[in-house]
Protein backbone atom coordinates (compact mmCIF):
# COMPACT_ATOMS: atom_id res chain seq x y z
CA MET A 1 -19.07 -6.05 99.59
CA LYS A 2 -21.34 -9.03 99.76
CA ASN A 3 -23.98 -7.19 97.69
CA CYS A 4 -21.41 -6.45 94.94
CA SER A 5 -20.34 -10.09 94.74
CA ALA A 6 -23.97 -11.21 94.47
CA LEU A 7 -24.60 -8.66 91.68
CA VAL A 8 -21.59 -9.84 89.67
CA ALA A 9 -22.66 -13.46 90.06
CA LEU A 10 -26.15 -12.59 88.84
CA LEU A 11 -24.81 -10.77 85.79
CA LEU A 12 -22.55 -13.72 84.87
CA LEU A 13 -25.47 -16.14 85.19
CA CYS A 14 -27.68 -14.05 82.89
CA GLY A 15 -24.88 -13.74 80.33
CA SER A 16 -24.33 -17.48 80.23
CA LEU A 17 -28.05 -18.10 79.79
CA PHE A 18 -28.24 -15.57 76.94
CA ALA A 19 -25.21 -17.08 75.22
CA GLY A 20 -26.66 -20.57 75.49
CA ASN A 21 -29.98 -19.57 73.91
CA LYS A 22 -28.42 -17.55 71.07
CA VAL A 23 -29.17 -18.94 67.59
CA PRO A 24 -26.02 -19.34 65.45
CA ASN A 25 -25.73 -17.43 62.19
CA ARG A 26 -26.24 -20.12 59.54
CA ALA A 27 -25.03 -17.83 56.83
CA HIS A 28 -21.54 -18.10 58.26
CA THR A 29 -21.65 -21.80 59.19
CA SER A 30 -22.93 -23.09 55.84
CA LYS A 31 -20.54 -23.52 52.92
CA THR A 32 -21.37 -21.10 50.08
CA PRO A 33 -20.75 -22.55 46.60
CA VAL A 34 -17.89 -20.95 44.68
CA GLN A 35 -17.66 -21.97 41.03
CA ARG A 36 -14.24 -23.16 39.94
CA THR A 37 -13.10 -23.57 36.32
CA ILE A 38 -11.22 -26.66 35.19
CA PHE A 39 -9.67 -26.72 31.73
CA VAL A 40 -9.75 -30.13 30.06
CA ARG A 41 -7.56 -31.44 27.28
CA CYS A 42 -8.86 -34.67 25.79
CA TYR A 43 -7.32 -37.63 24.04
CA ILE A 44 -9.06 -40.74 22.72
CA HIS A 45 -6.52 -43.54 22.88
CA HIS A 46 -8.54 -46.21 21.06
CA ILE A 47 -11.98 -47.58 20.23
CA SER A 48 -12.20 -51.35 20.05
CA ASP A 49 -14.46 -54.42 20.32
CA ILE A 50 -17.23 -52.89 18.18
CA ASN A 51 -20.05 -55.43 18.62
CA ILE A 52 -23.16 -54.92 16.51
CA ARG A 53 -24.99 -57.94 17.90
CA ASP A 54 -24.54 -57.05 21.61
CA GLN A 55 -24.87 -53.29 20.92
CA GLU A 56 -21.67 -52.20 22.61
CA TYR A 57 -18.09 -51.06 22.08
CA LYS A 58 -15.07 -50.20 24.23
CA ILE A 59 -13.26 -46.88 24.44
CA GLU A 60 -10.27 -45.49 26.34
CA ILE A 61 -10.26 -41.74 27.06
CA TRP A 62 -7.52 -39.67 28.68
CA LEU A 63 -8.41 -36.35 30.35
CA TYR A 64 -5.82 -33.73 31.28
CA LEU A 65 -7.32 -31.53 34.02
CA SER A 66 -5.69 -28.25 35.03
CA THR A 67 -6.76 -25.23 37.06
CA LYS A 68 -5.19 -22.30 38.86
CA ASP A 69 -7.95 -22.24 41.46
CA THR A 70 -7.87 -24.06 44.76
CA ILE A 71 -10.53 -26.77 44.57
CA TRP A 72 -11.95 -28.52 47.58
CA ALA A 73 -11.12 -32.28 47.66
CA TRP A 74 -9.01 -32.03 44.51
CA ASP A 75 -7.54 -35.51 45.04
CA SER A 76 -10.99 -37.15 45.02
CA LEU A 77 -12.20 -35.35 41.88
CA ALA A 78 -11.06 -38.11 39.52
CA SER A 79 -13.12 -40.76 41.30
CA GLN A 80 -16.24 -38.62 40.77
CA PHE A 81 -16.05 -38.72 36.97
CA GLN A 82 -18.78 -40.64 35.16
CA VAL A 83 -19.51 -41.50 31.53
CA ASP A 84 -23.12 -41.46 30.37
CA GLY A 85 -24.22 -44.79 28.91
CA ALA A 86 -21.25 -46.78 30.22
CA LYS A 87 -22.10 -50.39 31.09
CA GLU A 88 -18.70 -50.84 32.78
CA MET A 89 -16.11 -48.21 33.68
CA SER A 90 -12.79 -47.97 35.45
CA VAL A 91 -10.90 -44.79 36.42
CA THR A 92 -7.12 -44.66 36.72
CA VAL A 93 -5.23 -41.64 38.05
CA VAL A 94 -1.81 -41.17 36.49
CA PRO A 95 0.69 -40.17 39.26
CA GLN A 96 2.04 -36.61 38.94
CA TYR A 97 5.31 -35.23 40.29
CA HIS A 98 5.10 -32.04 42.32
CA ALA A 99 7.48 -30.21 44.61
CA PRO A 100 7.40 -31.03 48.34
CA GLY A 101 4.87 -29.02 50.29
CA THR A 102 2.71 -28.07 47.30
CA LEU A 103 0.25 -29.77 44.95
CA ARG A 104 1.01 -27.44 42.08
CA VAL A 105 3.08 -28.46 39.07
CA TYR A 106 4.51 -26.45 36.21
CA ASP A 107 2.41 -26.57 33.03
CA SER A 108 4.40 -25.79 29.87
CA THR A 109 1.25 -25.00 27.86
CA THR A 110 0.20 -22.17 30.18
CA GLY A 111 3.66 -21.23 31.45
CA ASP A 112 2.44 -21.23 35.02
CA SER A 113 2.10 -23.57 37.97
CA VAL A 114 -1.31 -25.21 38.19
CA TYR A 115 -3.17 -27.97 39.94
CA ARG A 116 -3.09 -30.85 37.50
CA GLN A 117 -4.52 -34.36 37.17
CA ILE A 118 -4.35 -36.87 34.35
CA ILE A 119 -7.03 -39.56 34.46
CA LYS A 120 -7.72 -42.52 32.21
CA LEU A 121 -11.26 -43.78 31.61
CA ASN A 122 -11.81 -47.31 30.28
CA CYS A 123 -15.46 -47.84 29.36
CA THR A 124 -17.69 -50.46 27.82
CA MET A 125 -20.34 -48.33 26.16
CA ALA A 126 -23.92 -49.29 25.32
CA GLN A 127 -24.83 -48.20 21.80
CA ASP A 128 -28.13 -48.37 19.94
CA TRP A 129 -26.83 -49.17 16.45
CA ASP A 130 -28.78 -48.02 13.40
CA VAL A 131 -28.81 -51.16 11.21
CA ASP A 132 -31.64 -50.24 8.83
CA ASN A 133 -29.18 -50.00 5.91
CA PHE A 134 -26.61 -52.57 7.06
CA PRO A 135 -23.89 -52.97 5.73
CA PHE A 136 -24.05 -49.50 4.14
CA ASP A 137 -24.80 -47.91 7.51
CA GLN A 138 -22.85 -45.16 9.28
CA GLN A 139 -22.97 -44.87 13.04
CA ASN A 140 -22.96 -41.81 15.31
CA LEU A 141 -21.01 -42.11 18.55
CA LYS A 142 -21.56 -39.63 21.37
CA ILE A 143 -19.64 -39.93 24.64
CA VAL A 144 -20.44 -37.59 27.54
CA CYS A 145 -17.97 -37.38 30.45
CA TYR A 146 -19.01 -35.45 33.55
CA THR A 147 -18.21 -35.04 37.22
CA VAL A 148 -20.88 -35.46 39.87
CA ARG A 149 -20.12 -32.09 41.41
CA PRO A 150 -22.85 -29.56 40.56
CA MET A 151 -22.14 -26.74 38.13
CA GLU A 152 -22.31 -24.29 41.02
CA TRP A 153 -19.05 -25.82 42.24
CA VAL A 154 -17.14 -27.01 39.16
CA ILE A 155 -17.36 -26.21 35.45
CA LEU A 156 -15.41 -28.12 32.79
CA ILE A 157 -14.15 -26.25 29.73
CA PRO A 158 -12.54 -28.13 26.81
CA VAL A 159 -9.35 -26.55 25.54
CA GLU A 160 -9.90 -27.75 21.94
CA SER A 161 -13.06 -28.07 19.86
CA LYS A 162 -11.56 -30.83 17.70
CA ILE A 163 -9.05 -33.55 18.48
CA SER A 164 -7.40 -36.23 16.38
CA TYR A 165 -7.91 -39.91 17.05
CA GLY A 166 -4.96 -41.96 18.25
CA ASN A 167 -1.40 -40.83 17.61
CA SER A 168 -1.94 -39.44 14.13
CA SER A 169 -4.28 -37.10 12.27
CA ASP A 170 -3.73 -38.69 8.85
CA ASP A 171 -5.78 -41.47 7.25
CA LEU A 172 -4.01 -44.16 9.25
CA GLY A 173 -4.95 -42.38 12.46
CA ARG A 174 -8.64 -42.60 11.56
CA ASN A 175 -8.76 -46.39 11.32
CA LEU A 176 -10.39 -48.23 14.22
CA GLU A 177 -10.65 -52.00 13.76
CA ASN A 178 -12.30 -54.63 11.54
CA GLY A 179 -12.69 -52.17 8.67
CA TRP A 180 -14.22 -49.35 10.73
CA PHE A 181 -12.88 -45.81 10.41
CA ILE A 182 -13.80 -42.30 11.61
CA VAL A 183 -15.53 -40.18 8.97
CA GLY A 184 -13.72 -36.85 8.73
CA ASP A 185 -10.34 -35.84 10.04
CA SER A 186 -11.15 -35.27 13.72
CA VAL A 187 -13.40 -35.89 16.70
CA LYS A 188 -15.63 -33.00 17.80
CA VAL A 189 -15.39 -31.89 21.43
CA ALA A 190 -17.99 -29.61 23.02
CA GLN A 191 -19.01 -28.33 26.43
CA THR A 192 -22.42 -29.50 27.61
CA CYS A 193 -24.28 -30.36 30.79
CA GLN A 194 -25.67 -33.58 32.21
CA GLY A 195 -28.84 -33.77 34.27
CA ASP A 196 -29.16 -35.57 37.56
CA ILE A 197 -31.33 -38.72 37.45
CA PHE A 198 -32.95 -37.92 40.80
CA ASP A 199 -33.10 -34.12 40.72
CA ALA A 200 -34.34 -32.46 37.52
CA VAL A 201 -33.00 -29.07 38.62
CA LYS A 202 -29.44 -30.16 39.38
CA LYS A 203 -26.98 -30.06 36.45
CA TYR A 204 -23.42 -31.27 36.07
CA SER A 205 -20.78 -29.79 33.78
CA ALA A 206 -19.77 -32.25 31.04
CA ILE A 207 -17.56 -32.78 27.99
CA GLN A 208 -19.13 -34.38 24.88
CA PHE A 209 -17.24 -36.25 22.16
CA SER A 210 -18.99 -36.67 18.79
CA MET A 211 -17.85 -38.71 15.82
CA LYS A 212 -19.28 -40.63 12.89
CA ILE A 213 -17.86 -44.02 11.96
CA SER A 214 -18.28 -46.07 8.79
CA ARG A 215 -16.90 -49.20 7.15
CA GLN A 216 -14.19 -49.66 4.56
CA GLN A 217 -14.51 -52.05 1.61
CA ILE A 218 -18.30 -52.11 1.76
CA PRO A 219 -18.71 -53.88 -1.65
CA ALA A 220 -16.48 -56.75 -0.51
CA LEU A 221 -18.35 -57.03 2.79
CA PHE A 222 -21.71 -56.99 0.98
CA PHE A 223 -20.54 -59.76 -1.35
CA LYS A 224 -19.33 -61.88 1.57
CA LEU A 225 -22.59 -61.50 3.50
CA PHE A 226 -25.05 -61.98 0.65
CA ILE A 227 -23.23 -64.45 -1.62
CA GLY A 228 -25.20 -67.35 -0.11
CA MET A 229 -28.53 -65.64 -0.83
CA TYR A 230 -27.69 -64.88 -4.46
CA VAL A 231 -26.30 -68.37 -5.07
CA SER A 232 -29.54 -69.85 -3.76
CA PHE A 233 -31.52 -67.67 -6.20
CA PHE A 234 -29.45 -68.59 -9.26
CA VAL A 235 -29.45 -72.29 -8.33
CA ALA A 236 -33.24 -72.11 -8.30
CA PHE A 237 -33.26 -70.08 -11.52
CA ILE A 238 -31.24 -72.77 -13.35
CA ALA A 239 -34.22 -75.07 -12.91
CA MET A 240 -36.20 -72.88 -15.32
CA PHE A 241 -34.01 -74.23 -18.16
CA ILE A 242 -34.82 -77.85 -17.35
CA LYS A 243 -37.73 -79.51 -19.13
CA VAL A 244 -40.76 -79.62 -16.94
CA THR A 245 -41.18 -83.32 -17.67
CA ASN A 246 -38.07 -83.83 -15.51
CA ALA A 247 -40.11 -82.99 -12.47
CA GLU A 248 -37.55 -83.97 -9.85
CA PRO A 249 -34.76 -81.50 -10.79
CA ARG A 250 -37.27 -78.91 -12.00
CA PHE A 251 -38.88 -78.70 -8.55
CA GLY A 252 -35.99 -79.97 -6.44
CA LEU A 253 -33.57 -77.15 -7.28
CA PRO A 254 -35.97 -74.31 -6.35
CA VAL A 255 -36.92 -76.06 -3.11
CA GLY A 256 -33.24 -76.46 -2.21
CA GLY A 257 -32.59 -72.82 -3.08
CA LEU A 258 -35.55 -71.81 -0.89
CA PHE A 259 -34.12 -73.59 2.15
CA ALA A 260 -30.68 -72.07 1.45
CA ALA A 261 -32.14 -68.54 1.29
CA ILE A 262 -34.03 -69.04 4.56
CA GLY A 263 -30.88 -70.43 6.20
CA ASN A 264 -28.82 -67.45 5.04
CA LYS A 265 -31.46 -65.12 6.48
CA TYR A 266 -31.17 -66.77 9.90
CA ILE A 267 -27.37 -66.42 9.74
CA MET A 268 -27.70 -62.69 9.03
CA GLU A 269 -30.15 -62.27 11.90
CA GLY A 270 -27.51 -63.81 14.18
CA ILE A 271 -25.11 -61.00 13.23
CA LEU A 272 -27.55 -58.12 13.76
CA PRO A 273 -29.37 -57.09 16.95
CA GLN A 274 -33.06 -57.80 17.34
CA ALA A 275 -34.98 -54.91 15.83
CA PRO A 276 -38.67 -54.45 15.00
CA GLU A 277 -37.82 -52.40 11.89
CA PHE A 278 -37.65 -53.97 8.44
CA THR A 279 -33.98 -53.64 7.43
CA ILE A 280 -32.38 -53.96 4.01
CA VAL A 281 -31.28 -57.48 5.00
CA ASP A 282 -34.91 -58.47 5.53
CA THR A 283 -35.96 -56.77 2.29
CA LEU A 284 -33.39 -58.50 0.07
CA HIS A 285 -34.09 -61.92 1.58
CA THR A 286 -37.83 -61.37 1.16
CA PHE A 287 -37.29 -60.59 -2.54
CA THR A 288 -35.27 -63.79 -2.90
CA ILE A 289 -37.80 -66.03 -1.15
CA VAL A 290 -40.72 -64.60 -3.14
CA ALA A 291 -38.79 -64.99 -6.43
CA ILE A 292 -38.05 -68.67 -5.68
CA LEU A 293 -41.70 -69.28 -4.79
CA LEU A 294 -42.68 -67.75 -8.14
CA MET A 295 -40.31 -70.16 -9.89
CA ILE A 296 -42.06 -73.08 -8.22
CA LEU A 297 -45.43 -71.63 -9.24
CA PHE A 298 -44.34 -71.14 -12.85
CA SER A 299 -43.01 -74.70 -12.93
CA ALA A 300 -46.38 -75.93 -11.72
CA VAL A 301 -48.08 -73.92 -14.49
CA SER A 302 -45.73 -75.42 -17.07
CA LEU A 303 -46.39 -78.90 -15.75
CA LYS A 304 -50.10 -78.31 -16.16
CA LEU A 305 -49.57 -77.56 -19.86
CA VAL A 306 -47.84 -80.91 -20.58
CA PRO A 307 -49.95 -82.96 -23.05
CA ARG A 308 -51.90 -85.72 -21.35
CA HIS A 309 -50.39 -88.51 -23.49
CA SER A 310 -46.80 -87.60 -22.46
CA ALA A 311 -47.41 -86.70 -18.85
CA GLU A 312 -50.07 -89.02 -17.48
CA ASP A 313 -48.02 -89.59 -14.36
CA LEU A 314 -46.68 -86.06 -14.17
CA GLY A 315 -49.75 -83.97 -14.84
CA SER A 316 -51.05 -81.91 -11.96
CA SER A 317 -54.64 -82.16 -10.80
CA ALA A 318 -54.64 -78.53 -9.66
CA ARG A 319 -56.95 -76.07 -11.39
CA PHE A 320 -55.45 -72.71 -12.29
CA PRO A 321 -57.73 -69.66 -12.61
CA LEU A 322 -56.07 -68.83 -15.96
CA SER A 323 -56.79 -69.59 -19.57
CA ARG A 324 -54.50 -71.88 -21.54
CA LYS A 325 -53.26 -68.92 -23.57
CA GLN A 326 -52.24 -67.06 -20.40
CA MET A 327 -50.55 -70.16 -19.03
CA ASN A 328 -48.59 -70.56 -22.29
CA TRP A 329 -47.37 -66.95 -21.98
CA ILE A 330 -46.25 -67.56 -18.39
CA ASP A 331 -44.44 -70.73 -19.41
CA LYS A 332 -42.60 -68.88 -22.18
CA HIS A 333 -41.78 -65.56 -20.49
CA GLY A 334 -41.95 -66.43 -16.78
CA SER A 335 -38.21 -66.89 -16.27
CA LYS A 336 -37.42 -63.53 -17.94
CA PHE A 337 -40.03 -61.79 -15.80
CA ILE A 338 -38.58 -63.24 -12.58
CA LEU A 339 -34.96 -62.43 -13.44
CA ILE A 340 -35.58 -58.85 -14.58
CA GLY A 341 -37.90 -58.09 -11.67
CA TYR A 342 -35.51 -59.60 -9.09
CA VAL A 343 -32.42 -57.78 -10.36
CA THR A 344 -34.30 -54.47 -10.68
CA LEU A 345 -35.72 -54.59 -7.16
CA ASN A 346 -32.30 -55.49 -5.71
CA VAL A 347 -30.55 -52.63 -7.48
CA ILE A 348 -33.22 -50.12 -6.42
CA CYS A 349 -33.08 -51.27 -2.80
CA ILE A 350 -29.27 -51.11 -2.63
CA LEU A 351 -29.07 -47.69 -4.29
CA TRP A 352 -31.79 -46.38 -1.98
CA ALA A 353 -29.84 -47.50 1.09
CA ILE A 354 -26.61 -45.89 -0.18
CA MET A 355 -28.33 -42.59 -1.00
CA GLU A 356 -30.15 -42.52 2.33
CA GLU A 357 -26.89 -42.87 4.25
CA ARG A 358 -25.26 -40.11 2.20
CA VAL A 359 -28.19 -37.79 2.82
CA LYS A 360 -27.87 -38.48 6.56
CA LEU A 361 -24.16 -37.66 6.39
CA ILE A 362 -24.82 -34.34 4.63
CA TRP A 363 -27.75 -33.46 6.92
CA GLN A 364 -25.81 -34.12 10.13
CA ALA A 365 -22.58 -32.47 8.96
């Protein structure tokens, strides 16, 4: 009897040692990813505070999330949404009514009970504006919303490929603010993916909004922005009709116009962001400054041609590398040459900017 008890005790001891050294099956303890599908209906409430100088704008997006699948940590999904390029962002979850004891709600669009969340995203977006042809420019806006759960777990599918802006799909519904409007009748919505900034392999499911915006009343805006530059040119040009013997107004008006053109250029640079490219604003102001400098040069040539007996105190001591016949031609036709050349270059530059923007619109359509 004692031998049997000792044998049973020995067997129990060996079993406990074997159970303690057994390696657990990690295939059963680890959580295997199961991809869940979330259908997303999108709504852009408004776009506001479009700031060219600070390269930003604000947008409010509503997302209607619905799924029939059971999703782990469904309540915390909204807080994991991000918007690519957002400088500031806030997420608000709209409370949903559901029956006691269940998280499902009835969805009239599908005719079934689903898990549903409505979230609101308020973002201040960073935007690299294309101002080469300002104010004839058209801007492309792309907003990418994604959740930081890998695609192996969650995939977002937009219900619609196009959505209307605001509460209306007509022309009034396309207006933004300060003369901006959405080109076309809708905003494009597409499914895409967003890469992880730390892991090049990891991808997140995302929804992308694409739209092109432009300005209304561009001729009026162009006139308002460039009226100071053109006034400075024509004030300087009036001096070409004054006798060169009246040296003070003949030279004073172009010099005043030159300072006015430079001042208007600095005002325009305060509106636009700092850019290394040569924009149409820089080009038109350069034409104006060069034209005014040519007026001063032609006035100096004319002053040189004044007979010595009538301009002893006004004659210039400068030596021009031109013959008197050439200087007489400049004095007679200089103002016409400046006016025709200035107007022609301005018209060509403006038409080029308009055509370039239209080609971009057709190419990206």
